[in-house]
Amino acid sequence: MGRAEEVAPVTERVGALSERERGILDVAGRSWPTVGAKERVVRERLGISPHLYYQLLNALLDDPRALAHAPATVNRLRRLREARRANR
């Protein structure tokens, strides 16, 4: 099986989000008093580094399943991402 066959594009993924993906969106949807508090929760609750969290979150923003699960969060973060890109 070739590499292209192993990983389906985001638009072709089907099914529900994984527990980790839902957790990432839940953390992203909350407000945090400090960055440190958010990073601590990412490490303790999700068991991943903040760097990996942001990589996975960015990928989720393009996943239609994420939009269906947390539309307000995904749309807000998409707007922020586009604003940052426009400022570059």
N, C-alpha and C. Protein backbone atom coordinates (compact mmCIF):
# COMPACT_ATOMS: atom_id res chain seq x y z
N MET A 1 0.85 -1.18 0.00
CA MET A 1 0.00 0.00 0.00
C MET A 1 0.89 1.24 0.00
N GLY A 2 0.65 2.17 -0.90
CA GLY A 2 1.45 3.38 -1.01
C GLY A 2 1.06 4.41 0.04
N ARG A 3 1.91 5.38 0.21
CA ARG A 3 1.69 6.43 1.21
C ARG A 3 0.36 7.16 0.98
N ALA A 4 0.04 7.46 -0.26
CA ALA A 4 -1.19 8.19 -0.56
C ALA A 4 -2.43 7.38 -0.15
N GLU A 5 -2.33 6.07 -0.15
CA GLU A 5 -3.47 5.25 0.21
C GLU A 5 -3.62 5.09 1.73
N GLU A 6 -2.53 5.32 2.46
CA GLU A 6 -2.54 5.10 3.90
C GLU A 6 -3.25 6.22 4.66
N VAL A 7 -3.14 7.45 4.18
CA VAL A 7 -3.71 8.59 4.90
C VAL A 7 -4.72 9.28 4.00
N ALA A 8 -5.98 9.24 4.41
CA ALA A 8 -7.02 9.90 3.63
C ALA A 8 -6.95 11.40 3.88
N PRO A 9 -7.20 12.21 2.85
CA PRO A 9 -7.25 13.66 3.06
C PRO A 9 -8.30 14.01 4.11
N VAL A 10 -8.15 15.17 4.73
CA VAL A 10 -9.07 15.59 5.79
C VAL A 10 -10.51 15.56 5.31
N THR A 11 -10.75 15.97 4.08
CA THR A 11 -12.12 16.05 3.58
C THR A 11 -12.74 14.67 3.38
N GLU A 12 -11.93 13.60 3.36
CA GLU A 12 -12.46 12.26 3.15
C GLU A 12 -12.59 11.46 4.44
N ARG A 13 -12.16 12.02 5.56
CA ARG A 13 -12.27 11.30 6.82
C ARG A 13 -13.73 11.16 7.20
N VAL A 14 -14.07 10.01 7.75
CA VAL A 14 -15.45 9.78 8.16
C VAL A 14 -15.45 9.29 9.60
N GLY A 15 -16.60 9.33 10.21
CA GLY A 15 -16.73 8.85 11.57
C GLY A 15 -16.57 9.97 12.58
N ALA A 16 -16.63 9.56 13.81
CA ALA A 16 -16.55 10.52 14.90
C ALA A 16 -15.11 10.89 15.21
N LEU A 17 -14.97 12.02 15.86
CA LEU A 17 -13.65 12.44 16.34
C LEU A 17 -13.19 11.49 17.43
N SER A 18 -11.90 11.34 17.56
CA SER A 18 -11.36 10.51 18.64
C SER A 18 -11.51 11.26 19.97
N GLU A 19 -11.31 10.53 21.04
CA GLU A 19 -11.37 11.16 22.37
C GLU A 19 -10.34 12.27 22.49
N ARG A 20 -9.13 12.04 21.96
CA ARG A 20 -8.08 13.06 22.03
C ARG A 20 -8.47 14.29 21.21
N GLU A 21 -9.03 14.08 20.03
CA GLU A 21 -9.45 15.21 19.19
C GLU A 21 -10.54 16.03 19.87
N ARG A 22 -11.50 15.35 20.49
CA ARG A 22 -12.55 16.07 21.23
C ARG A 22 -11.95 16.83 22.41
N GLY A 23 -10.98 16.22 23.09
CA GLY A 23 -10.31 16.88 24.21
C GLY A 23 -9.57 18.13 23.77
N ILE A 24 -8.91 18.05 22.62
CA ILE A 24 -8.19 19.21 22.09
C ILE A 24 -9.17 20.35 21.82
N LEU A 25 -10.29 20.04 21.20
CA LEU A 25 -11.29 21.08 20.93
C LEU A 25 -11.91 21.63 22.21
N ASP A 26 -12.10 20.77 23.20
CA ASP A 26 -12.65 21.23 24.48
C ASP A 26 -11.70 22.20 25.16
N VAL A 27 -10.41 21.88 25.17
CA VAL A 27 -9.41 22.77 25.77
C VAL A 27 -9.36 24.09 25.00
N ALA A 28 -9.40 24.00 23.68
CA ALA A 28 -9.34 25.21 22.84
C ALA A 28 -10.56 26.10 23.04
N GLY A 29 -11.68 25.51 23.39
CA GLY A 29 -12.91 26.27 23.55
C GLY A 29 -13.06 26.99 24.87
N ARG A 30 -12.20 26.66 25.82
CA ARG A 30 -12.27 27.30 27.14
C ARG A 30 -11.42 28.55 27.16
N SER A 31 -11.73 29.44 28.10
CA SER A 31 -10.85 30.59 28.33
C SER A 31 -9.96 30.25 29.52
N TRP A 32 -8.74 30.77 29.50
CA TRP A 32 -7.75 30.43 30.51
C TRP A 32 -7.20 31.69 31.14
N PRO A 33 -7.01 31.70 32.47
CA PRO A 33 -6.49 32.90 33.13
C PRO A 33 -5.05 33.20 32.72
N THR A 34 -4.28 32.14 32.42
CA THR A 34 -2.89 32.31 32.00
C THR A 34 -2.54 31.23 30.98
N VAL A 35 -1.50 31.49 30.21
CA VAL A 35 -1.03 30.49 29.26
C VAL A 35 -0.54 29.26 30.02
N GLY A 36 0.09 29.47 31.14
CA GLY A 36 0.61 28.35 31.93
C GLY A 36 -0.48 27.38 32.37
N ALA A 37 -1.64 27.91 32.69
CA ALA A 37 -2.75 27.06 33.12
C ALA A 37 -3.20 26.16 31.97
N LYS A 38 -3.29 26.73 30.79
CA LYS A 38 -3.69 25.96 29.61
C LYS A 38 -2.65 24.89 29.30
N GLU A 39 -1.37 25.26 29.33
CA GLU A 39 -0.31 24.30 29.04
C GLU A 39 -0.30 23.16 30.05
N ARG A 40 -0.57 23.46 31.30
CA ARG A 40 -0.62 22.43 32.33
C ARG A 40 -1.74 21.44 32.04
N VAL A 41 -2.91 21.94 31.67
CA VAL A 41 -4.04 21.07 31.35
C VAL A 41 -3.73 20.23 30.12
N VAL A 42 -3.09 20.83 29.13
CA VAL A 42 -2.72 20.08 27.92
C VAL A 42 -1.83 18.90 28.29
N ARG A 43 -0.84 19.15 29.13
CA ARG A 43 0.07 18.07 29.54
C ARG A 43 -0.62 17.02 30.41
N GLU A 44 -1.40 17.48 31.38
CA GLU A 44 -2.01 16.56 32.34
C GLU A 44 -3.22 15.82 31.77
N ARG A 45 -4.10 16.53 31.12
CA ARG A 45 -5.35 15.92 30.64
C ARG A 45 -5.16 15.19 29.32
N LEU A 46 -4.42 15.82 28.40
CA LEU A 46 -4.26 15.23 27.08
C LEU A 46 -3.01 14.37 26.96
N GLY A 47 -2.05 14.59 27.85
CA GLY A 47 -0.83 13.80 27.83
C GLY A 47 0.08 14.10 26.65
N ILE A 48 0.03 15.33 26.15
CA ILE A 48 0.88 15.73 25.04
C ILE A 48 1.53 17.07 25.34
N SER A 49 2.55 17.41 24.57
CA SER A 49 3.22 18.69 24.76
C SER A 49 2.36 19.81 24.16
N PRO A 50 2.53 21.03 24.67
CA PRO A 50 1.80 22.15 24.08
C PRO A 50 2.10 22.32 22.58
N HIS A 51 3.34 22.07 22.19
CA HIS A 51 3.71 22.18 20.78
C HIS A 51 2.88 21.22 19.93
N LEU A 52 2.78 19.97 20.34
CA LEU A 52 1.97 18.99 19.61
C LEU A 52 0.50 19.37 19.65
N TYR A 53 0.04 19.88 20.78
CA TYR A 53 -1.36 20.32 20.91
C TYR A 53 -1.70 21.34 19.82
N TYR A 54 -0.85 22.34 19.65
CA TYR A 54 -1.13 23.37 18.66
C TYR A 54 -1.04 22.84 17.23
N GLN A 55 -0.16 21.90 16.98
CA GLN A 55 -0.10 21.28 15.65
C GLN A 55 -1.38 20.51 15.36
N LEU A 56 -1.82 19.71 16.32
CA LEU A 56 -3.04 18.92 16.14
C LEU A 56 -4.28 19.82 16.03
N LEU A 57 -4.31 20.87 16.85
CA LEU A 57 -5.43 21.81 16.80
C LEU A 57 -5.51 22.48 15.43
N ASN A 58 -4.38 22.90 14.91
CA ASN A 58 -4.37 23.55 13.60
C ASN A 58 -4.91 22.61 12.52
N ALA A 59 -4.52 21.34 12.58
CA ALA A 59 -5.03 20.37 11.62
C ALA A 59 -6.54 20.15 11.79
N LEU A 60 -6.99 20.15 13.04
CA LEU A 60 -8.43 19.96 13.29
C LEU A 60 -9.28 21.10 12.73
N LEU A 61 -8.72 22.28 12.65
CA LEU A 61 -9.49 23.41 12.14
C LEU A 61 -9.94 23.21 10.70
N ASP A 62 -9.26 22.32 9.99
CA ASP A 62 -9.63 22.03 8.60
C ASP A 62 -10.45 20.75 8.46
N ASP A 63 -10.80 20.15 9.58
CA ASP A 63 -11.54 18.88 9.58
C ASP A 63 -13.04 19.17 9.74
N PRO A 64 -13.86 18.76 8.79
CA PRO A 64 -15.31 19.01 8.89
C PRO A 64 -15.94 18.37 10.12
N ARG A 65 -15.35 17.28 10.61
CA ARG A 65 -15.89 16.65 11.82
C ARG A 65 -15.71 17.56 13.03
N ALA A 66 -14.60 18.29 13.07
CA ALA A 66 -14.35 19.23 14.17
C ALA A 66 -15.35 20.38 14.11
N LEU A 67 -15.61 20.86 12.91
CA LEU A 67 -16.60 21.93 12.74
C LEU A 67 -17.98 21.47 13.22
N ALA A 68 -18.34 20.24 12.94
CA ALA A 68 -19.62 19.71 13.38
C ALA A 68 -19.67 19.56 14.90
N HIS A 69 -18.53 19.21 15.51
CA HIS A 69 -18.47 18.97 16.95
C HIS A 69 -18.47 20.28 17.74
N ALA A 70 -17.70 21.27 17.28
CA ALA A 70 -17.56 22.52 18.03
C ALA A 70 -17.52 23.70 17.06
N PRO A 71 -18.66 24.02 16.45
CA PRO A 71 -18.65 25.06 15.42
C PRO A 71 -18.19 26.44 15.90
N ALA A 72 -18.60 26.85 17.08
CA ALA A 72 -18.20 28.18 17.57
C ALA A 72 -16.69 28.25 17.77
N THR A 73 -16.13 27.23 18.37
CA THR A 73 -14.69 27.20 18.62
C THR A 73 -13.92 27.15 17.32
N VAL A 74 -14.30 26.26 16.42
CA VAL A 74 -13.58 26.11 15.15
C VAL A 74 -13.68 27.38 14.33
N ASN A 75 -14.85 27.96 14.22
CA ASN A 75 -14.99 29.19 13.43
C ASN A 75 -14.20 30.35 14.03
N ARG A 76 -14.20 30.48 15.36
CA ARG A 76 -13.42 31.54 16.01
C ARG A 76 -11.94 31.36 15.73
N LEU A 77 -11.44 30.13 15.89
CA LEU A 77 -10.02 29.88 15.66
C LEU A 77 -9.64 30.01 14.19
N ARG A 78 -10.53 29.67 13.31
CA ARG A 78 -10.27 29.87 11.87
C ARG A 78 -10.11 31.35 11.57
N ARG A 79 -11.00 32.18 12.15
CA ARG A 79 -10.90 33.63 11.93
C ARG A 79 -9.58 34.17 12.46
N LEU A 80 -9.17 33.72 13.65
CA LEU A 80 -7.90 34.17 14.21
C LEU A 80 -6.72 33.73 13.33
N ARG A 81 -6.77 32.51 12.85
CA ARG A 81 -5.70 32.00 12.00
C ARG A 81 -5.61 32.81 10.70
N GLU A 82 -6.75 33.10 10.10
CA GLU A 82 -6.75 33.89 8.86
C GLU A 82 -6.26 35.31 9.10
N ALA A 83 -6.62 35.90 10.23
CA ALA A 83 -6.15 37.25 10.55
C ALA A 83 -4.63 37.27 10.71
N ARG A 84 -4.09 36.23 11.35
CA ARG A 84 -2.62 36.16 11.51
C ARG A 84 -1.94 36.00 10.16
N ARG A 85 -2.52 35.19 9.30
CA ARG A 85 -1.95 34.99 7.95
C ARG A 85 -1.99 36.28 7.15
N ALA A 86 -3.07 37.02 7.28
CA ALA A 86 -3.21 38.28 6.54
C ALA A 86 -2.20 39.32 7.01
N ASN A 87 -1.79 39.25 8.26
CA ASN A 87 -0.84 40.22 8.81
C ASN A 87 0.61 39.90 8.47
N ARG A 88 0.86 38.76 7.87
CA ARG A 88 2.24 38.39 7.52
C ARG A 88 2.67 39.04 6.26
